[in-house]
């Protein structure tokens, strides 16, 4: 819990920023200090670049519910793609 940006911040940020999605919108109010910390991290230029890269990849990625069943089988090693 120091003032400097460190590996703990880097590792925890992706999970903490999704608190409302994972635990529901009221959780953002319950964990308002965590959400304030997330907002502070997201002001950092490197974090902004990383989030922009994530958005870029997401825009080029097929949504899970629109993926072809055969492709999902390949990704998850199911059916004919299962390990022997």
N, C-alpha and C. Protein backbone atom coordinates (compact mmCIF):
# COMPACT_ATOMS: atom_id res chain seq x y z
N UNK A 1 0.79 -1.20 0.00
CA UNK A 1 0.00 0.00 0.00
C UNK A 1 0.82 1.25 0.00
N UNK A 2 1.88 1.33 -0.79
CA UNK A 2 2.67 2.55 -0.85
C UNK A 2 2.15 3.53 -1.88
N UNK A 3 2.85 4.65 -1.98
CA UNK A 3 2.44 5.70 -2.91
C UNK A 3 2.92 5.43 -4.33
N UNK A 4 3.87 4.52 -4.49
CA UNK A 4 4.41 4.26 -5.82
C UNK A 4 3.62 3.19 -6.54
N UNK A 5 3.62 3.29 -7.86
CA UNK A 5 2.96 2.33 -8.74
C UNK A 5 3.84 1.09 -8.82
N UNK A 6 3.28 -0.07 -8.53
CA UNK A 6 4.09 -1.28 -8.53
C UNK A 6 3.37 -2.48 -9.12
N UNK A 7 4.01 -3.62 -9.00
CA UNK A 7 3.50 -4.85 -9.59
C UNK A 7 2.14 -5.23 -9.01
N UNK A 8 1.91 -4.94 -7.74
CA UNK A 8 0.60 -5.25 -7.14
C UNK A 8 -0.50 -4.44 -7.82
N UNK A 9 -0.22 -3.18 -8.14
CA UNK A 9 -1.19 -2.35 -8.85
C UNK A 9 -1.48 -2.93 -10.23
N UNK A 10 -0.41 -3.30 -10.92
CA UNK A 10 -0.53 -3.84 -12.28
C UNK A 10 -1.34 -5.13 -12.27
N UNK A 11 -1.08 -5.99 -11.30
CA UNK A 11 -1.75 -7.29 -11.24
C UNK A 11 -3.21 -7.19 -10.79
N UNK A 12 -3.50 -6.24 -9.93
CA UNK A 12 -4.83 -6.14 -9.33
C UNK A 12 -5.79 -5.30 -10.17
N UNK A 13 -5.28 -4.33 -10.89
CA UNK A 13 -6.12 -3.40 -11.64
C UNK A 13 -7.15 -4.08 -12.54
N UNK A 14 -6.77 -5.06 -13.37
CA UNK A 14 -7.78 -5.66 -14.26
C UNK A 14 -8.96 -6.29 -13.51
N UNK A 15 -8.71 -6.83 -12.34
CA UNK A 15 -9.79 -7.43 -11.56
C UNK A 15 -10.61 -6.36 -10.88
N UNK A 16 -9.95 -5.39 -10.28
CA UNK A 16 -10.65 -4.35 -9.54
C UNK A 16 -11.52 -3.49 -10.45
N UNK A 17 -11.05 -3.23 -11.65
CA UNK A 17 -11.84 -2.37 -12.55
C UNK A 17 -13.13 -3.04 -12.97
N UNK A 18 -13.21 -4.36 -12.81
CA UNK A 18 -14.41 -5.10 -13.20
C UNK A 18 -15.31 -5.43 -12.02
N UNK A 19 -15.08 -4.82 -10.87
CA UNK A 19 -15.93 -5.09 -9.71
C UNK A 19 -17.41 -4.90 -10.03
N UNK A 20 -17.83 -3.80 -10.67
CA UNK A 20 -19.26 -3.66 -10.96
C UNK A 20 -19.79 -4.77 -11.88
N UNK A 21 -19.01 -5.18 -12.85
CA UNK A 21 -19.45 -6.24 -13.76
C UNK A 21 -19.49 -7.60 -13.06
N UNK A 22 -18.53 -7.83 -12.18
CA UNK A 22 -18.44 -9.13 -11.50
C UNK A 22 -19.39 -9.25 -10.32
N UNK A 23 -19.57 -8.16 -9.58
CA UNK A 23 -20.34 -8.22 -8.33
C UNK A 23 -21.63 -7.42 -8.37
N UNK A 24 -21.89 -6.74 -9.49
CA UNK A 24 -23.09 -5.92 -9.61
C UNK A 24 -22.79 -4.46 -9.33
N UNK A 25 -23.62 -3.60 -9.90
CA UNK A 25 -23.42 -2.15 -9.79
C UNK A 25 -23.33 -1.65 -8.34
N UNK A 26 -24.14 -2.17 -7.40
CA UNK A 26 -24.02 -1.67 -6.02
C UNK A 26 -22.64 -1.88 -5.41
N UNK A 27 -21.89 -2.83 -5.92
CA UNK A 27 -20.56 -3.09 -5.38
C UNK A 27 -19.62 -1.91 -5.59
N UNK A 28 -19.84 -1.15 -6.66
CA UNK A 28 -19.00 0.03 -6.92
C UNK A 28 -19.12 1.03 -5.78
N UNK A 29 -20.32 1.18 -5.24
CA UNK A 29 -20.52 2.08 -4.10
C UNK A 29 -19.93 1.47 -2.83
N UNK A 30 -20.13 0.18 -2.66
CA UNK A 30 -19.61 -0.50 -1.48
C UNK A 30 -18.09 -0.42 -1.42
N UNK A 31 -17.46 -0.51 -2.58
CA UNK A 31 -15.99 -0.48 -2.66
C UNK A 31 -15.53 0.82 -3.32
N UNK A 32 -16.11 1.93 -2.88
CA UNK A 32 -15.83 3.21 -3.54
C UNK A 32 -14.35 3.61 -3.46
N UNK A 33 -13.65 3.23 -2.40
CA UNK A 33 -12.22 3.56 -2.32
C UNK A 33 -11.42 2.77 -3.35
N UNK A 34 -11.81 1.52 -3.56
CA UNK A 34 -11.14 0.71 -4.58
C UNK A 34 -11.41 1.32 -5.96
N UNK A 35 -12.66 1.72 -6.19
CA UNK A 35 -13.01 2.30 -7.49
C UNK A 35 -12.28 3.64 -7.69
N UNK A 36 -12.07 4.39 -6.61
CA UNK A 36 -11.30 5.64 -6.71
C UNK A 36 -9.86 5.33 -7.09
N UNK A 37 -9.30 4.27 -6.50
CA UNK A 37 -7.94 3.82 -6.84
C UNK A 37 -7.88 3.41 -8.31
N UNK A 38 -8.89 2.67 -8.79
CA UNK A 38 -8.94 2.27 -10.20
C UNK A 38 -8.94 3.51 -11.09
N UNK A 39 -9.77 4.48 -10.77
CA UNK A 39 -9.84 5.71 -11.57
C UNK A 39 -8.49 6.43 -11.57
N UNK A 40 -7.82 6.45 -10.42
CA UNK A 40 -6.51 7.10 -10.34
C UNK A 40 -5.49 6.38 -11.23
N UNK A 41 -5.51 5.04 -11.20
CA UNK A 41 -4.60 4.29 -12.06
C UNK A 41 -4.89 4.56 -13.53
N UNK A 42 -6.17 4.67 -13.87
CA UNK A 42 -6.55 4.85 -15.27
C UNK A 42 -6.23 6.24 -15.80
N UNK A 43 -5.73 7.12 -14.95
CA UNK A 43 -5.22 8.42 -15.39
C UNK A 43 -3.78 8.30 -15.89
N UNK A 44 -3.11 7.22 -15.56
CA UNK A 44 -1.70 7.03 -15.93
C UNK A 44 -1.59 6.78 -17.44
N UNK A 45 -0.64 7.42 -18.12
CA UNK A 45 -0.49 7.23 -19.57
C UNK A 45 -0.31 5.77 -19.98
N UNK A 46 0.48 5.01 -19.24
CA UNK A 46 0.71 3.61 -19.61
C UNK A 46 -0.56 2.79 -19.49
N UNK A 47 -1.35 3.07 -18.46
CA UNK A 47 -2.61 2.34 -18.29
C UNK A 47 -3.58 2.72 -19.40
N UNK A 48 -3.61 4.01 -19.75
CA UNK A 48 -4.46 4.43 -20.87
C UNK A 48 -4.08 3.71 -22.16
N UNK A 49 -2.79 3.58 -22.41
CA UNK A 49 -2.34 2.86 -23.61
C UNK A 49 -2.74 1.39 -23.56
N UNK A 50 -2.59 0.79 -22.41
CA UNK A 50 -2.95 -0.63 -22.27
C UNK A 50 -4.44 -0.84 -22.49
N UNK A 51 -5.27 0.03 -21.92
CA UNK A 51 -6.71 -0.10 -22.10
C UNK A 51 -7.11 0.15 -23.55
N UNK A 52 -6.43 1.07 -24.22
CA UNK A 52 -6.70 1.31 -25.64
C UNK A 52 -6.34 0.07 -26.46
N UNK A 53 -5.25 -0.59 -26.10
CA UNK A 53 -4.85 -1.81 -26.81
C UNK A 53 -5.88 -2.92 -26.58
N UNK A 54 -6.40 -3.02 -25.37
CA UNK A 54 -7.44 -4.01 -25.07
C UNK A 54 -8.67 -3.73 -25.92
N UNK A 55 -9.07 -2.47 -26.00
CA UNK A 55 -10.24 -2.10 -26.81
C UNK A 55 -10.01 -2.44 -28.28
N UNK A 56 -8.80 -2.21 -28.76
CA UNK A 56 -8.46 -2.52 -30.15
C UNK A 56 -8.58 -4.02 -30.42
N UNK A 57 -8.04 -4.82 -29.53
CA UNK A 57 -8.12 -6.28 -29.69
C UNK A 57 -9.57 -6.73 -29.60
N UNK A 58 -10.31 -6.19 -28.64
CA UNK A 58 -11.71 -6.57 -28.47
C UNK A 58 -12.52 -6.27 -29.73
N UNK A 59 -12.22 -5.15 -30.38
CA UNK A 59 -12.94 -4.78 -31.60
C UNK A 59 -12.66 -5.75 -32.74
N UNK A 60 -11.52 -6.41 -32.71
CA UNK A 60 -11.14 -7.34 -33.77
C UNK A 60 -11.47 -8.80 -33.43
N UNK A 61 -12.00 -9.03 -32.25
CA UNK A 61 -12.23 -10.39 -31.77
C UNK A 61 -13.70 -10.76 -31.91
N UNK A 62 -13.95 -11.98 -32.35
CA UNK A 62 -15.32 -12.47 -32.43
C UNK A 62 -15.88 -12.63 -31.03
N UNK A 63 -17.08 -12.13 -30.84
CA UNK A 63 -17.73 -12.29 -29.54
C UNK A 63 -18.01 -13.77 -29.30
N UNK A 64 -17.91 -14.17 -28.06
CA UNK A 64 -18.05 -15.58 -27.69
C UNK A 64 -19.36 -16.17 -28.22
N UNK A 65 -20.46 -15.43 -28.07
CA UNK A 65 -21.76 -15.96 -28.49
C UNK A 65 -21.92 -16.02 -30.01
N UNK A 66 -20.99 -15.43 -30.74
CA UNK A 66 -21.06 -15.47 -32.21
C UNK A 66 -19.98 -16.37 -32.82
N UNK A 67 -19.18 -16.99 -31.98
CA UNK A 67 -18.10 -17.86 -32.47
C UNK A 67 -18.68 -19.15 -33.05
N UNK A 68 -18.02 -19.66 -34.07
CA UNK A 68 -18.45 -20.92 -34.68
C UNK A 68 -18.15 -22.07 -33.72
N UNK A 69 -19.07 -23.03 -33.61
CA UNK A 69 -18.86 -24.15 -32.69
C UNK A 69 -17.53 -24.88 -32.92
N UNK A 70 -17.13 -25.06 -34.18
CA UNK A 70 -15.88 -25.75 -34.46
C UNK A 70 -14.67 -24.98 -33.92
N UNK A 71 -14.73 -23.67 -34.02
CA UNK A 71 -13.65 -22.83 -33.50
C UNK A 71 -13.59 -22.95 -31.98
N UNK A 72 -14.74 -22.94 -31.33
CA UNK A 72 -14.76 -23.10 -29.88
C UNK A 72 -14.20 -24.46 -29.47
N UNK A 73 -14.52 -25.49 -30.25
CA UNK A 73 -13.97 -26.82 -29.96
C UNK A 73 -12.44 -26.80 -30.05
N UNK A 74 -11.90 -26.10 -31.05
CA UNK A 74 -10.44 -26.00 -31.19
C UNK A 74 -9.84 -25.29 -29.98
N UNK A 75 -10.44 -24.17 -29.61
CA UNK A 75 -9.93 -23.37 -28.51
C UNK A 75 -9.94 -24.15 -27.20
N UNK A 76 -11.02 -24.89 -26.96
CA UNK A 76 -11.18 -25.58 -25.68
C UNK A 76 -10.80 -27.05 -25.73
N UNK A 77 -10.27 -27.51 -26.88
CA UNK A 77 -9.82 -28.89 -26.99
C UNK A 77 -10.93 -29.90 -26.82
N UNK A 78 -12.07 -29.61 -27.44
CA UNK A 78 -13.22 -30.49 -27.32
C UNK A 78 -13.42 -31.29 -28.61
N UNK A 79 -14.29 -32.30 -28.54
CA UNK A 79 -14.67 -33.07 -29.72
C UNK A 79 -13.46 -33.66 -30.42
N UNK A 80 -13.40 -33.45 -31.75
CA UNK A 80 -12.30 -34.03 -32.53
C UNK A 80 -10.94 -33.44 -32.16
N UNK A 81 -10.94 -32.34 -31.43
CA UNK A 81 -9.68 -31.69 -31.05
C UNK A 81 -9.23 -32.08 -29.64
N UNK A 82 -9.98 -32.95 -28.99
CA UNK A 82 -9.63 -33.37 -27.63
C UNK A 82 -8.34 -34.18 -27.66
N UNK A 83 -7.54 -34.00 -26.64
CA UNK A 83 -6.28 -34.76 -26.54
C UNK A 83 -6.61 -36.24 -26.35
N UNK A 84 -5.81 -37.07 -26.98
CA UNK A 84 -6.06 -38.52 -26.88
C UNK A 84 -5.64 -39.06 -25.55
